[in-house]
Amino acid sequence: MHDRIRAERGPGVPKTFATGTARELCAFLADAAAGTWQSPRACALLRDWLAGNTDRTLVADSIGHDPWSSDDVRVLNKTGTDTGVRADTGIVSGRHTVVYAVIAAFEPGAERAAVAELRRWGTAVDRLAGAHRSDSS
């Protein structure tokens, strides 16, 4: 993170709120999931902040969970958008804990295809976390 969220970016402030590769975002969230980023308290605060995200329209859309139930699946995520970009990064805790960062870049007019691709990745994350399935599935 380079700055805080701002409605407008003027002179003297970073051009963007944050930058990072998918690999860097996954490493960051793996540390937060393990409680080893900064301090355990900072990790808990970050996980609570991610838990409050209500945008489950990208990767998280394909993860079989009900955020309002006690189904033992917890999805903590943050989405981001920009012109030609959709991104979703998060931590899914079920039978296994999975961290993910999926970033789609696309040409104007291809938004639906980009969202569909992010949701396909959500299916893979869901399968890896595996919390809501019985041992026979």
N, C-alpha and C. Protein backbone atom coordinates (compact mmCIF):
# COMPACT_ATOMS: atom_id res chain seq x y z
N MET A 1 0.84 -1.17 0.00
CA MET A 1 0.00 0.00 0.00
C MET A 1 0.89 1.24 0.00
N HIS A 2 0.52 2.18 -0.82
CA HIS A 2 1.29 3.40 -0.94
C HIS A 2 0.62 4.60 -0.28
N ASP A 3 -0.68 4.49 -0.04
CA ASP A 3 -1.44 5.66 0.37
C ASP A 3 -2.77 5.18 0.94
N ARG A 4 -3.64 6.14 1.20
CA ARG A 4 -5.00 5.83 1.62
C ARG A 4 -5.94 5.98 0.43
N ILE A 5 -7.14 5.46 0.57
CA ILE A 5 -8.15 5.61 -0.48
C ILE A 5 -8.52 7.08 -0.57
N ARG A 6 -8.54 7.60 -1.78
CA ARG A 6 -8.88 9.01 -2.01
C ARG A 6 -9.85 9.11 -3.16
N ALA A 7 -10.77 10.05 -3.09
CA ALA A 7 -11.70 10.30 -4.20
C ALA A 7 -10.95 10.86 -5.40
N GLU A 8 -9.96 11.71 -5.14
CA GLU A 8 -9.16 12.29 -6.21
C GLU A 8 -7.69 12.21 -5.83
N ARG A 9 -6.85 12.06 -6.82
CA ARG A 9 -5.41 12.01 -6.61
C ARG A 9 -4.79 13.24 -7.24
N GLY A 10 -4.28 14.09 -6.42
CA GLY A 10 -3.66 15.34 -6.89
C GLY A 10 -2.16 15.28 -6.80
N PRO A 11 -1.52 16.40 -7.03
CA PRO A 11 -0.05 16.46 -6.93
C PRO A 11 0.40 16.16 -5.50
N GLY A 12 1.54 15.53 -5.40
CA GLY A 12 2.12 15.27 -4.09
C GLY A 12 1.62 14.00 -3.41
N VAL A 13 0.75 13.23 -4.06
CA VAL A 13 0.30 11.96 -3.48
C VAL A 13 0.61 10.85 -4.48
N PRO A 14 0.78 9.62 -4.01
CA PRO A 14 1.04 8.52 -4.94
C PRO A 14 -0.05 8.40 -6.01
N LYS A 15 0.35 7.95 -7.21
CA LYS A 15 -0.60 7.82 -8.32
C LYS A 15 -1.69 6.80 -8.03
N THR A 16 -1.41 5.85 -7.17
CA THR A 16 -2.36 4.78 -6.90
C THR A 16 -2.30 4.39 -5.43
N PHE A 17 -3.37 3.80 -4.95
CA PHE A 17 -3.47 3.36 -3.56
C PHE A 17 -2.47 2.25 -3.26
N ALA A 18 -2.39 1.28 -4.17
CA ALA A 18 -1.53 0.12 -3.92
C ALA A 18 -1.15 -0.54 -5.24
N THR A 19 -0.07 -1.28 -5.21
CA THR A 19 0.33 -2.10 -6.35
C THR A 19 0.80 -3.44 -5.81
N GLY A 20 0.80 -4.43 -6.67
CA GLY A 20 1.32 -5.73 -6.27
C GLY A 20 0.99 -6.78 -7.31
N THR A 21 1.84 -7.79 -7.38
CA THR A 21 1.60 -8.91 -8.26
C THR A 21 0.72 -9.93 -7.53
N ALA A 22 0.17 -10.85 -8.27
CA ALA A 22 -0.62 -11.92 -7.65
C ALA A 22 0.24 -12.70 -6.65
N ARG A 23 1.48 -12.95 -7.02
CA ARG A 23 2.40 -13.68 -6.13
C ARG A 23 2.62 -12.90 -4.83
N GLU A 24 2.85 -11.59 -4.95
CA GLU A 24 3.07 -10.75 -3.76
C GLU A 24 1.81 -10.71 -2.88
N LEU A 25 0.65 -10.60 -3.51
CA LEU A 25 -0.60 -10.58 -2.74
C LEU A 25 -0.82 -11.90 -2.01
N CYS A 26 -0.54 -13.02 -2.68
CA CYS A 26 -0.68 -14.32 -2.03
C CYS A 26 0.28 -14.47 -0.86
N ALA A 27 1.52 -14.04 -1.03
CA ALA A 27 2.50 -14.14 0.06
C ALA A 27 2.07 -13.29 1.25
N PHE A 28 1.58 -12.09 0.97
CA PHE A 28 1.09 -11.21 2.01
C PHE A 28 -0.07 -11.85 2.77
N LEU A 29 -1.05 -12.39 2.04
CA LEU A 29 -2.20 -13.00 2.70
C LEU A 29 -1.85 -14.31 3.39
N ALA A 30 -0.87 -15.04 2.87
CA ALA A 30 -0.43 -16.26 3.57
C ALA A 30 0.14 -15.90 4.94
N ASP A 31 0.91 -14.82 4.99
CA ASP A 31 1.44 -14.36 6.28
C ASP A 31 0.31 -13.90 7.20
N ALA A 32 -0.67 -13.19 6.65
CA ALA A 32 -1.80 -12.74 7.46
C ALA A 32 -2.62 -13.92 7.97
N ALA A 33 -2.81 -14.92 7.13
CA ALA A 33 -3.57 -16.12 7.54
C ALA A 33 -2.85 -16.87 8.64
N ALA A 34 -1.51 -16.92 8.54
CA ALA A 34 -0.71 -17.63 9.54
C ALA A 34 -0.47 -16.82 10.80
N GLY A 35 -0.80 -15.53 10.75
CA GLY A 35 -0.59 -14.67 11.91
C GLY A 35 0.84 -14.17 12.04
N THR A 36 1.62 -14.24 10.95
CA THR A 36 3.03 -13.87 11.02
C THR A 36 3.35 -12.53 10.36
N TRP A 37 2.36 -11.84 9.81
CA TRP A 37 2.58 -10.53 9.22
C TRP A 37 2.50 -9.48 10.33
N GLN A 38 3.48 -8.65 10.47
CA GLN A 38 3.56 -7.59 11.47
C GLN A 38 3.43 -8.14 12.89
N SER A 39 2.21 -8.46 13.31
CA SER A 39 1.96 -8.99 14.65
C SER A 39 0.66 -9.79 14.60
N PRO A 40 0.44 -10.68 15.55
CA PRO A 40 -0.83 -11.41 15.56
C PRO A 40 -2.04 -10.47 15.62
N ARG A 41 -1.91 -9.38 16.35
CA ARG A 41 -3.02 -8.42 16.45
C ARG A 41 -3.29 -7.75 15.09
N ALA A 42 -2.23 -7.36 14.40
CA ALA A 42 -2.39 -6.75 13.08
C ALA A 42 -3.01 -7.74 12.10
N CYS A 43 -2.61 -9.00 12.18
CA CYS A 43 -3.18 -10.04 11.31
C CYS A 43 -4.67 -10.21 11.59
N ALA A 44 -5.04 -10.25 12.86
CA ALA A 44 -6.45 -10.40 13.22
C ALA A 44 -7.27 -9.21 12.72
N LEU A 45 -6.71 -8.02 12.86
CA LEU A 45 -7.39 -6.81 12.38
C LEU A 45 -7.59 -6.87 10.86
N LEU A 46 -6.56 -7.26 10.13
CA LEU A 46 -6.67 -7.37 8.68
C LEU A 46 -7.69 -8.42 8.28
N ARG A 47 -7.66 -9.58 8.94
CA ARG A 47 -8.63 -10.64 8.62
C ARG A 47 -10.05 -10.16 8.92
N ASP A 48 -10.26 -9.44 10.00
CA ASP A 48 -11.59 -8.90 10.31
C ASP A 48 -12.03 -7.90 9.24
N TRP A 49 -11.10 -7.07 8.78
CA TRP A 49 -11.42 -6.10 7.73
C TRP A 49 -11.82 -6.82 6.45
N LEU A 50 -11.06 -7.86 6.07
CA LEU A 50 -11.40 -8.63 4.87
C LEU A 50 -12.73 -9.35 5.02
N ALA A 51 -13.05 -9.80 6.23
CA ALA A 51 -14.31 -10.50 6.47
C ALA A 51 -15.51 -9.60 6.24
N GLY A 52 -15.31 -8.30 6.39
CA GLY A 52 -16.40 -7.34 6.22
C GLY A 52 -16.72 -7.01 4.77
N ASN A 53 -15.90 -7.51 3.84
CA ASN A 53 -16.17 -7.23 2.43
C ASN A 53 -17.47 -7.92 2.01
N THR A 54 -18.30 -7.20 1.33
CA THR A 54 -19.58 -7.78 0.89
C THR A 54 -19.60 -8.08 -0.60
N ASP A 55 -18.54 -7.75 -1.32
CA ASP A 55 -18.50 -8.02 -2.76
C ASP A 55 -18.01 -9.45 -2.97
N ARG A 56 -18.94 -10.34 -3.21
CA ARG A 56 -18.61 -11.75 -3.46
C ARG A 56 -18.93 -12.11 -4.91
N THR A 57 -18.79 -11.15 -5.84
CA THR A 57 -19.21 -11.34 -7.22
C THR A 57 -18.13 -11.91 -8.12
N LEU A 58 -16.90 -12.01 -7.67
CA LEU A 58 -15.81 -12.46 -8.54
C LEU A 58 -15.40 -13.88 -8.12
N VAL A 59 -14.19 -14.08 -7.63
CA VAL A 59 -13.73 -15.41 -7.23
C VAL A 59 -14.64 -16.01 -6.16
N ALA A 60 -14.98 -15.21 -5.16
CA ALA A 60 -15.77 -15.71 -4.03
C ALA A 60 -17.17 -16.16 -4.44
N ASP A 61 -17.66 -15.73 -5.58
CA ASP A 61 -18.98 -16.13 -6.05
C ASP A 61 -19.09 -17.64 -6.22
N SER A 62 -18.00 -18.30 -6.57
CA SER A 62 -18.01 -19.74 -6.85
C SER A 62 -17.60 -20.59 -5.65
N ILE A 63 -17.40 -19.97 -4.52
CA ILE A 63 -17.02 -20.71 -3.31
C ILE A 63 -18.29 -21.05 -2.56
N GLY A 64 -18.51 -22.34 -2.38
CA GLY A 64 -19.75 -22.80 -1.75
C GLY A 64 -19.79 -22.48 -0.28
N HIS A 65 -20.33 -21.34 0.04
CA HIS A 65 -20.44 -20.95 1.44
C HIS A 65 -21.63 -20.00 1.60
N ASP A 66 -22.08 -19.92 2.80
CA ASP A 66 -23.12 -18.96 3.16
C ASP A 66 -22.53 -18.07 4.24
N PRO A 67 -22.25 -16.81 3.92
CA PRO A 67 -21.59 -15.95 4.91
C PRO A 67 -22.41 -15.72 6.17
N TRP A 68 -23.67 -16.06 6.15
CA TRP A 68 -24.53 -15.83 7.31
C TRP A 68 -24.81 -17.10 8.09
N SER A 69 -24.16 -18.21 7.74
CA SER A 69 -24.38 -19.45 8.47
C SER A 69 -23.10 -19.87 9.18
N SER A 70 -23.20 -20.95 9.89
CA SER A 70 -22.01 -21.50 10.57
C SER A 70 -21.60 -22.79 9.86
N ASP A 71 -21.36 -22.69 8.55
CA ASP A 71 -21.03 -23.88 7.76
C ASP A 71 -19.54 -24.22 7.76
N ASP A 72 -18.78 -23.62 8.64
CA ASP A 72 -17.36 -23.88 8.78
C ASP A 72 -16.53 -23.48 7.56
N VAL A 73 -17.08 -22.62 6.71
CA VAL A 73 -16.32 -22.06 5.60
C VAL A 73 -16.27 -20.56 5.82
N ARG A 74 -15.07 -20.02 5.82
CA ARG A 74 -14.92 -18.58 6.02
C ARG A 74 -14.19 -17.99 4.82
N VAL A 75 -14.81 -17.00 4.21
CA VAL A 75 -14.20 -16.33 3.06
C VAL A 75 -13.90 -14.89 3.46
N LEU A 76 -12.64 -14.55 3.37
CA LEU A 76 -12.16 -13.20 3.65
C LEU A 76 -11.58 -12.69 2.34
N ASN A 77 -12.11 -11.63 1.79
CA ASN A 77 -11.60 -11.19 0.49
C ASN A 77 -11.71 -9.70 0.28
N LYS A 78 -11.04 -9.25 -0.77
CA LYS A 78 -11.12 -7.86 -1.20
C LYS A 78 -11.06 -7.86 -2.72
N THR A 79 -11.97 -7.13 -3.30
CA THR A 79 -12.00 -7.00 -4.75
C THR A 79 -11.47 -5.63 -5.14
N GLY A 80 -11.08 -5.52 -6.39
CA GLY A 80 -10.62 -4.25 -6.93
C GLY A 80 -10.96 -4.16 -8.40
N THR A 81 -11.24 -2.96 -8.84
CA THR A 81 -11.54 -2.76 -10.26
C THR A 81 -10.84 -1.50 -10.75
N ASP A 82 -10.54 -1.53 -12.00
CA ASP A 82 -10.03 -0.37 -12.71
C ASP A 82 -10.41 -0.59 -14.17
N THR A 83 -10.21 0.38 -14.98
CA THR A 83 -10.52 0.23 -16.39
C THR A 83 -9.73 -0.93 -16.96
N GLY A 84 -10.42 -1.93 -17.45
CA GLY A 84 -9.77 -3.10 -18.03
C GLY A 84 -9.21 -4.10 -17.06
N VAL A 85 -9.55 -3.96 -15.77
CA VAL A 85 -9.00 -4.87 -14.76
C VAL A 85 -10.08 -5.22 -13.73
N ARG A 86 -10.14 -6.49 -13.36
CA ARG A 86 -10.91 -6.95 -12.22
C ARG A 86 -9.96 -7.83 -11.39
N ALA A 87 -10.01 -7.68 -10.08
CA ALA A 87 -9.13 -8.45 -9.21
C ALA A 87 -9.87 -8.87 -7.95
N ASP A 88 -9.48 -10.01 -7.43
CA ASP A 88 -10.03 -10.51 -6.17
C ASP A 88 -8.91 -11.26 -5.47
N THR A 89 -8.70 -10.97 -4.21
CA THR A 89 -7.69 -11.65 -3.42
C THR A 89 -8.29 -12.00 -2.07
N GLY A 90 -7.90 -13.14 -1.52
CA GLY A 90 -8.52 -13.51 -0.26
C GLY A 90 -7.93 -14.73 0.41
N ILE A 91 -8.57 -15.06 1.52
CA ILE A 91 -8.24 -16.23 2.34
C ILE A 91 -9.53 -17.02 2.50
N VAL A 92 -9.49 -18.29 2.17
CA VAL A 92 -10.64 -19.16 2.37
C VAL A 92 -10.23 -20.23 3.37
N SER A 93 -10.95 -20.32 4.46
CA SER A 93 -10.67 -21.32 5.48
C SER A 93 -11.82 -22.31 5.52
N GLY A 94 -11.49 -23.54 5.32
CA GLY A 94 -12.44 -24.64 5.39
C GLY A 94 -11.71 -25.81 5.98
N ARG A 95 -11.81 -26.97 5.34
CA ARG A 95 -11.01 -28.11 5.77
C ARG A 95 -9.53 -27.76 5.60
N HIS A 96 -9.24 -26.95 4.58
CA HIS A 96 -7.90 -26.43 4.32
C HIS A 96 -7.99 -24.92 4.19
N THR A 97 -6.89 -24.24 4.43
CA THR A 97 -6.84 -22.79 4.20
C THR A 97 -6.15 -22.54 2.88
N VAL A 98 -6.78 -21.71 2.06
CA VAL A 98 -6.27 -21.38 0.74
C VAL A 98 -6.20 -19.86 0.63
N VAL A 99 -5.09 -19.34 0.16
CA VAL A 99 -4.99 -17.92 -0.17
C VAL A 99 -4.97 -17.83 -1.69
N TYR A 100 -5.56 -16.77 -2.20
CA TYR A 100 -5.60 -16.61 -3.65
C TYR A 100 -5.51 -15.13 -4.03
N ALA A 101 -5.06 -14.91 -5.24
CA ALA A 101 -5.08 -13.59 -5.86
C ALA A 101 -5.27 -13.85 -7.35
N VAL A 102 -6.39 -13.38 -7.88
CA VAL A 102 -6.70 -13.56 -9.29
C VAL A 102 -6.94 -12.18 -9.89
N ILE A 103 -6.20 -11.89 -10.93
CA ILE A 103 -6.28 -10.59 -11.59
C ILE A 103 -6.55 -10.83 -13.07
N ALA A 104 -7.60 -10.22 -13.58
CA ALA A 104 -7.94 -10.35 -15.00
C ALA A 104 -7.80 -8.99 -15.67
N ALA A 105 -7.04 -8.96 -16.76
CA ALA A 105 -6.91 -7.75 -17.58
C ALA A 105 -7.60 -8.05 -18.91
N PHE A 106 -8.35 -7.09 -19.43
CA PHE A 106 -9.16 -7.36 -20.61
C PHE A 106 -9.39 -6.09 -21.41
N GLU A 107 -9.79 -6.28 -22.64
CA GLU A 107 -10.13 -5.17 -23.53
C GLU A 107 -11.52 -4.64 -23.18
N PRO A 108 -11.79 -3.38 -23.44
CA PRO A 108 -13.13 -2.84 -23.20
C PRO A 108 -14.18 -3.70 -23.91
N GLY A 109 -15.27 -3.95 -23.20
CA GLY A 109 -16.35 -4.77 -23.73
C GLY A 109 -16.26 -6.23 -23.34
N ALA A 110 -15.16 -6.65 -22.74
CA ALA A 110 -14.98 -8.05 -22.37
C ALA A 110 -15.17 -8.28 -20.87
N GLU A 111 -15.88 -7.37 -20.20
CA GLU A 111 -16.05 -7.47 -18.75
C GLU A 111 -16.71 -8.78 -18.33
N ARG A 112 -17.76 -9.20 -19.04
CA ARG A 112 -18.45 -10.44 -18.65
C ARG A 112 -17.53 -11.65 -18.73
N ALA A 113 -16.71 -11.70 -19.77
CA ALA A 113 -15.77 -12.81 -19.91
C ALA A 113 -14.74 -12.79 -18.79
N ALA A 114 -14.28 -11.61 -18.41
CA ALA A 114 -13.31 -11.48 -17.32
C ALA A 114 -13.91 -11.96 -16.01
N VAL A 115 -15.12 -11.55 -15.74
CA VAL A 115 -15.80 -11.98 -14.50
C VAL A 115 -16.00 -13.49 -14.51
N ALA A 116 -16.39 -14.03 -15.65
CA ALA A 116 -16.57 -15.49 -15.75
C ALA A 116 -15.27 -16.22 -15.47
N GLU A 117 -14.15 -15.68 -15.96
CA GLU A 117 -12.85 -16.30 -15.71
C GLU A 117 -12.49 -16.25 -14.23
N LEU A 118 -12.73 -15.14 -13.57
CA LEU A 118 -12.48 -15.06 -12.12
C LEU A 118 -13.34 -16.07 -11.37
N ARG A 119 -14.56 -16.24 -11.78
CA ARG A 119 -15.43 -17.22 -11.12
C ARG A 119 -14.95 -18.64 -11.36
N ARG A 120 -14.38 -18.93 -12.54
CA ARG A 120 -13.81 -20.26 -12.78
C ARG A 120 -12.67 -20.53 -11.80
N TRP A 121 -11.86 -19.52 -11.54
CA TRP A 121 -10.80 -19.69 -10.54
C TRP A 121 -11.40 -19.93 -9.16
N GLY A 122 -12.55 -19.32 -8.89
CA GLY A 122 -13.22 -19.55 -7.62
C GLY A 122 -13.59 -21.00 -7.42
N THR A 123 -13.95 -21.68 -8.49
CA THR A 123 -14.27 -23.11 -8.42
C THR A 123 -13.04 -23.90 -7.97
N ALA A 124 -11.87 -23.52 -8.47
CA ALA A 124 -10.63 -24.19 -8.07
C ALA A 124 -10.32 -23.92 -6.59
N VAL A 125 -10.49 -22.69 -6.16
CA VAL A 125 -10.25 -22.34 -4.75
C VAL A 125 -11.22 -23.13 -3.86
N ASP A 126 -12.47 -23.20 -4.27
CA ASP A 126 -13.49 -23.94 -3.52
C ASP A 126 -13.07 -25.41 -3.37
N ARG A 127 -12.62 -26.01 -4.46
CA ARG A 127 -12.21 -27.41 -4.43
C ARG A 127 -11.02 -27.61 -3.50
N LEU A 128 -10.05 -26.69 -3.54
CA LEU A 128 -8.87 -26.81 -2.68
C LEU A 128 -9.21 -26.65 -1.20
N ALA A 129 -10.10 -25.72 -0.87
CA ALA A 129 -10.49 -25.50 0.53
C ALA A 129 -11.30 -26.68 1.05
N GLY A 130 -12.18 -27.20 0.21
CA GLY A 130 -12.89 -28.44 0.48
C GLY A 130 -13.68 -28.55 1.77
N ALA A 131 -14.08 -27.47 2.39
CA ALA A 131 -14.69 -27.56 3.72
C ALA A 131 -16.10 -28.07 3.73
N HIS A 132 -16.90 -27.74 2.76
CA HIS A 132 -18.32 -28.01 2.84
C HIS A 132 -18.69 -29.36 2.23
N ARG A 133 -17.73 -30.12 1.79
CA ARG A 133 -18.01 -31.40 1.17
C ARG A 133 -17.83 -32.52 2.18
N SER A 134 -18.62 -33.53 2.04
CA SER A 134 -18.40 -34.72 2.88
C SER A 134 -17.19 -35.45 2.32
N ASP A 135 -16.65 -36.39 3.07
CA ASP A 135 -15.49 -37.14 2.62
C ASP A 135 -15.80 -37.98 1.39
N SER A 136 -17.06 -38.22 1.09
CA SER A 136 -17.42 -39.06 -0.04
C SER A 136 -17.57 -38.27 -1.34
N SER A 137 -17.40 -36.92 -1.29
CA SER A 137 -17.57 -36.17 -2.54
C SER A 137 -16.26 -35.74 -3.13
